[in-house]
Amino acid sequence: MTGVKICGLTEEDGLVAAVNAGADWIGLVFFERSPRAITPDEAALLLDGLPPSWEGGPERVGLFVDPDDALLDAAVGSVRLDMIQLHGSETPDRVDEIRDRFALPVMKALPIATREDLAAADAYADVADWLLLDARAPADAGRPGGNAVAFDWSILDGWEAPLPWMLAGGLTVDNVREALLRTRAYAVDVSSGVERERGIKDPELIEQFVRAVREVLP
């Protein structure tokens, strides 16, 4: 079954919708320049509102962009993360260091614009557990992801991934079927594509997105 990650959750309505829709991962963005930014303390309060009956639901992913150890310590100390997502320019050595430090799976995001960009994946094969392929951000974006931009999925034709991977970048209810049929991604990651306004998730769109994924590759 194709996995679904709902990223950039900041408020209870979106979180509850993601859990009820059957998302496999929920993403918390610990990057202050994002419109979906959340602090470790805010994330802990948000997740504490989940009823005990929802234990065993979506895994919790913390998204970081070139984080220092202090931020990582604060987030991991406040929130029971199941995975760390690194969405900056972290080197393989830094990824390996973070994985060893926290004994958590790590997903490394790679910015994709051309076929040549896929070559970077091999450098992380032994130090990461997942890859996330996201559209390379526009030069003026100010943040590496969540820009509602898709890349040319034909770039992935014939690519042999060294690790399980998620597809991200500009995914919506309207195009996720095409994306999955074209790429056969292990999982998909959506953020802006399920928002009613920037940074605010739409519960109905979350439910529709998860259902659309399940209908393509159940």
Protein backbone atom coordinates (compact mmCIF):
# COMPACT_ATOMS: atom_id res chain seq x y z
CA MET A 1 0.00 0.00 0.00
CA THR A 2 1.30 3.44 -0.90
CA GLY A 3 2.12 5.48 2.19
CA VAL A 4 0.84 9.01 2.82
CA LYS A 5 2.54 11.75 4.82
CA ILE A 6 0.65 14.91 5.75
CA CYS A 7 3.30 17.52 6.51
CA GLY A 8 3.24 20.92 8.14
CA LEU A 9 0.56 20.32 10.76
CA THR A 10 0.16 23.15 13.25
CA GLU A 11 -3.40 22.94 14.59
CA GLU A 12 -5.77 20.34 15.95
CA ASP A 13 -8.28 20.22 13.08
CA GLY A 14 -5.62 19.23 10.58
CA LEU A 15 -4.02 16.74 12.93
CA VAL A 16 -7.31 15.02 13.72
CA ALA A 17 -8.19 14.91 10.02
CA ALA A 18 -4.85 13.29 9.16
CA VAL A 19 -5.28 10.66 11.87
CA ASN A 20 -8.88 9.91 10.95
CA ALA A 21 -8.08 9.71 7.23
CA GLY A 22 -5.48 7.03 7.89
CA ALA A 23 -2.29 8.94 7.09
CA ASP A 24 0.84 6.91 7.73
CA TRP A 25 3.00 9.84 8.85
CA ILE A 26 2.36 13.32 10.19
CA GLY A 27 5.01 16.00 9.71
CA LEU A 28 5.99 18.75 12.14
CA VAL A 29 8.12 21.55 10.68
CA PHE A 30 10.82 22.81 13.03
CA PHE A 31 12.04 25.54 10.67
CA GLU A 32 11.19 29.09 11.63
CA ARG A 33 11.06 30.52 8.10
CA SER A 34 8.25 28.17 7.09
CA PRO A 35 4.62 29.35 7.26
CA ARG A 36 4.01 25.94 8.86
CA ALA A 37 6.67 26.35 11.53
CA ILE A 38 6.04 24.97 15.00
CA THR A 39 8.22 25.04 18.11
CA PRO A 40 9.02 21.91 20.09
CA ASP A 41 6.80 23.10 22.95
CA GLU A 42 3.91 23.87 20.58
CA ALA A 43 4.28 20.48 18.93
CA ALA A 44 4.18 18.73 22.30
CA LEU A 45 0.98 20.55 23.24
CA LEU A 46 -0.60 19.74 19.89
CA LEU A 47 0.16 16.05 20.14
CA ASP A 48 -0.85 15.85 23.79
CA GLY A 49 -4.39 16.64 22.64
CA LEU A 50 -4.69 13.31 20.85
CA PRO A 51 -6.84 10.76 22.71
CA PRO A 52 -5.02 7.64 23.99
CA SER A 53 -7.12 5.58 21.56
CA TRP A 54 -5.11 7.08 18.69
CA GLU A 55 -1.83 5.62 19.92
CA GLY A 56 -0.41 3.44 17.20
CA GLY A 57 -1.67 5.82 14.53
CA PRO A 58 0.53 7.86 12.18
CA GLU A 59 4.25 8.00 12.85
CA ARG A 60 5.58 11.41 13.86
CA VAL A 61 8.18 12.99 11.62
CA GLY A 62 10.16 16.06 12.62
CA LEU A 63 11.32 18.17 9.67
CA PHE A 64 14.53 20.17 10.12
CA VAL A 65 16.62 22.33 7.81
CA ASP A 66 20.35 22.27 8.61
CA PRO A 67 19.57 22.01 12.34
CA ASP A 68 22.05 22.50 15.13
CA ASP A 69 22.21 20.01 17.96
CA ALA A 70 20.35 22.33 20.34
CA LEU A 71 17.23 22.38 18.16
CA LEU A 72 17.36 18.64 17.61
CA ASP A 73 17.76 18.02 21.33
CA ALA A 74 14.80 20.28 22.12
CA ALA A 75 12.51 18.68 19.55
CA VAL A 76 13.39 15.09 20.32
CA GLY A 77 13.16 15.86 24.03
CA SER A 78 9.69 17.39 23.73
CA VAL A 79 8.05 15.19 21.11
CA ARG A 80 8.18 11.42 20.68
CA LEU A 81 9.45 11.47 17.12
CA ASP A 82 9.52 8.31 15.04
CA MET A 83 11.66 9.77 12.26
CA ILE A 84 13.85 12.79 11.57
CA GLN A 85 13.54 14.46 8.16
CA LEU A 86 16.50 16.56 7.02
CA HIS A 87 15.48 19.03 4.35
CA GLY A 88 18.59 21.20 4.05
CA SER A 89 22.10 20.78 2.71
CA GLU A 90 23.15 18.23 5.30
CA THR A 91 26.16 16.18 4.21
CA PRO A 92 26.20 12.39 4.43
CA ASP A 93 28.50 12.67 7.45
CA ARG A 94 26.06 15.00 9.22
CA VAL A 95 23.13 12.70 8.43
CA ASP A 96 25.05 9.75 9.83
CA GLU A 97 25.94 11.73 12.96
CA ILE A 98 22.31 12.69 13.59
CA ARG A 99 21.05 9.15 13.05
CA ASP A 100 23.60 7.77 15.50
CA ARG A 101 23.00 10.51 18.07
CA PHE A 102 19.26 9.94 18.34
CA ALA A 103 18.95 6.30 17.24
CA LEU A 104 16.04 7.26 14.99
CA PRO A 105 15.41 6.61 11.30
CA VAL A 106 16.40 9.55 9.11
CA MET A 107 14.85 10.67 5.84
CA LYS A 108 17.03 12.88 3.64
CA ALA A 109 15.30 15.24 1.23
CA LEU A 110 16.88 15.83 -2.17
CA PRO A 111 16.01 18.82 -4.39
CA ILE A 112 15.20 17.60 -7.90
CA ALA A 113 15.14 19.59 -11.12
CA THR A 114 17.06 17.38 -13.58
CA ARG A 115 17.95 13.72 -13.99
CA GLU A 116 21.46 14.53 -12.78
CA ASP A 117 20.11 15.52 -9.36
CA LEU A 118 19.20 11.89 -8.67
CA ALA A 119 22.88 10.97 -8.49
CA ALA A 120 23.05 12.54 -5.03
CA ALA A 121 20.89 9.73 -3.67
CA ASP A 122 23.73 7.22 -3.73
CA ALA A 123 25.78 9.27 -1.26
CA TYR A 124 23.09 8.79 1.39
CA ALA A 125 22.41 5.10 0.78
CA ASP A 126 24.37 3.96 3.85
CA VAL A 127 23.50 6.78 6.25
CA ALA A 128 19.76 7.40 5.71
CA ASP A 129 16.72 5.17 5.90
CA TRP A 130 14.47 7.02 3.46
CA LEU A 131 14.83 9.58 0.70
CA LEU A 132 12.34 12.32 -0.11
CA LEU A 133 12.39 13.71 -3.64
CA ASP A 134 11.10 17.28 -3.71
CA ALA A 135 11.08 19.90 -6.43
CA ARG A 136 14.09 22.18 -6.26
CA ALA A 137 12.87 25.41 -4.68
CA PRO A 138 12.71 28.61 -6.75
CA ALA A 139 15.65 30.92 -6.10
CA ASP A 140 13.47 33.43 -4.26
CA ALA A 141 11.51 30.89 -2.20
CA GLY A 142 13.32 31.35 1.10
CA ARG A 143 12.66 27.74 2.11
CA PRO A 144 13.57 24.39 0.53
CA GLY A 145 10.11 22.80 0.51
CA GLY A 146 6.40 23.46 0.77
CA ASN A 147 6.44 25.69 -2.29
CA ALA A 148 3.59 24.04 -4.23
CA VAL A 149 5.95 23.27 -7.10
CA ALA A 150 6.21 19.90 -8.86
CA PHE A 151 9.15 18.60 -10.86
CA ASP A 152 9.00 16.67 -14.12
CA TRP A 153 8.19 13.13 -12.98
CA SER A 154 9.57 11.66 -16.20
CA ILE A 155 13.00 12.35 -14.67
CA LEU A 156 12.38 9.25 -12.55
CA ASP A 157 11.80 6.88 -15.48
CA GLY A 158 14.08 3.88 -15.05
CA TRP A 159 15.66 5.18 -11.86
CA GLU A 160 16.71 2.51 -9.37
CA ALA A 161 16.39 4.04 -5.92
CA PRO A 162 18.97 2.96 -3.32
CA LEU A 163 16.42 3.41 -0.50
CA PRO A 164 12.65 3.60 0.01
CA TRP A 165 11.51 7.05 -1.08
CA MET A 166 8.69 9.54 -0.90
CA LEU A 167 7.53 11.82 -3.70
CA ALA A 168 6.86 15.45 -2.77
CA GLY A 169 6.39 18.77 -4.49
CA GLY A 170 3.16 20.28 -5.75
CA LEU A 171 0.99 17.22 -5.10
CA THR A 172 -2.78 17.73 -4.87
CA VAL A 173 -5.98 15.71 -4.98
CA ASP A 174 -6.11 16.45 -8.71
CA ASN A 175 -2.64 15.22 -9.70
CA VAL A 176 -1.65 12.54 -7.18
CA ARG A 177 -3.19 9.76 -9.27
CA GLU A 178 -1.09 10.74 -12.28
CA ALA A 179 1.99 11.09 -10.07
CA LEU A 180 1.64 7.61 -8.64
CA LEU A 181 0.87 5.91 -11.93
CA ARG A 182 3.93 7.57 -13.44
CA THR A 183 6.44 7.13 -10.63
CA ARG A 184 5.20 4.18 -8.53
CA ALA A 185 6.55 5.99 -5.47
CA TYR A 186 6.69 4.09 -2.19
CA ALA A 187 4.91 7.01 -0.52
CA VAL A 188 3.76 10.58 -1.13
CA ASP A 189 4.22 13.70 0.98
CA VAL A 190 1.76 16.60 0.81
CA SER A 191 1.66 19.96 2.56
CA SER A 192 0.43 23.00 0.64
CA GLY A 193 -1.77 20.76 -1.54
CA VAL A 194 -4.16 20.14 1.36
CA GLU A 195 -4.41 23.71 2.64
CA ARG A 196 -7.32 26.15 2.47
CA GLU A 197 -4.90 29.02 3.01
CA ARG A 198 -1.16 29.14 3.40
CA GLY A 199 -0.16 27.20 6.49
CA ILE A 200 -3.71 26.12 7.43
CA LYS A 201 -4.77 22.59 6.59
CA ASP A 202 -8.22 21.80 5.18
CA PRO A 203 -9.62 18.63 6.83
CA GLU A 204 -11.76 17.83 3.79
CA LEU A 205 -8.81 18.08 1.41
CA ILE A 206 -6.76 15.83 3.68
CA GLU A 207 -9.48 13.18 3.60
CA GLN A 208 -9.84 13.50 -0.18
CA PHE A 209 -6.08 13.27 -0.73
CA VAL A 210 -5.63 10.12 1.34
CA ARG A 211 -8.64 8.51 -0.35
CA ALA A 212 -7.28 9.41 -3.79
CA VAL A 213 -3.96 7.71 -2.99
CA ARG A 214 -5.64 4.56 -1.70
CA GLU A 215 -7.80 4.34 -4.81
CA VAL A 216 -4.77 4.37 -7.10
CA LEU A 217 -2.51 1.84 -5.40
CA PRO A 218 -4.43 0.32 -2.47
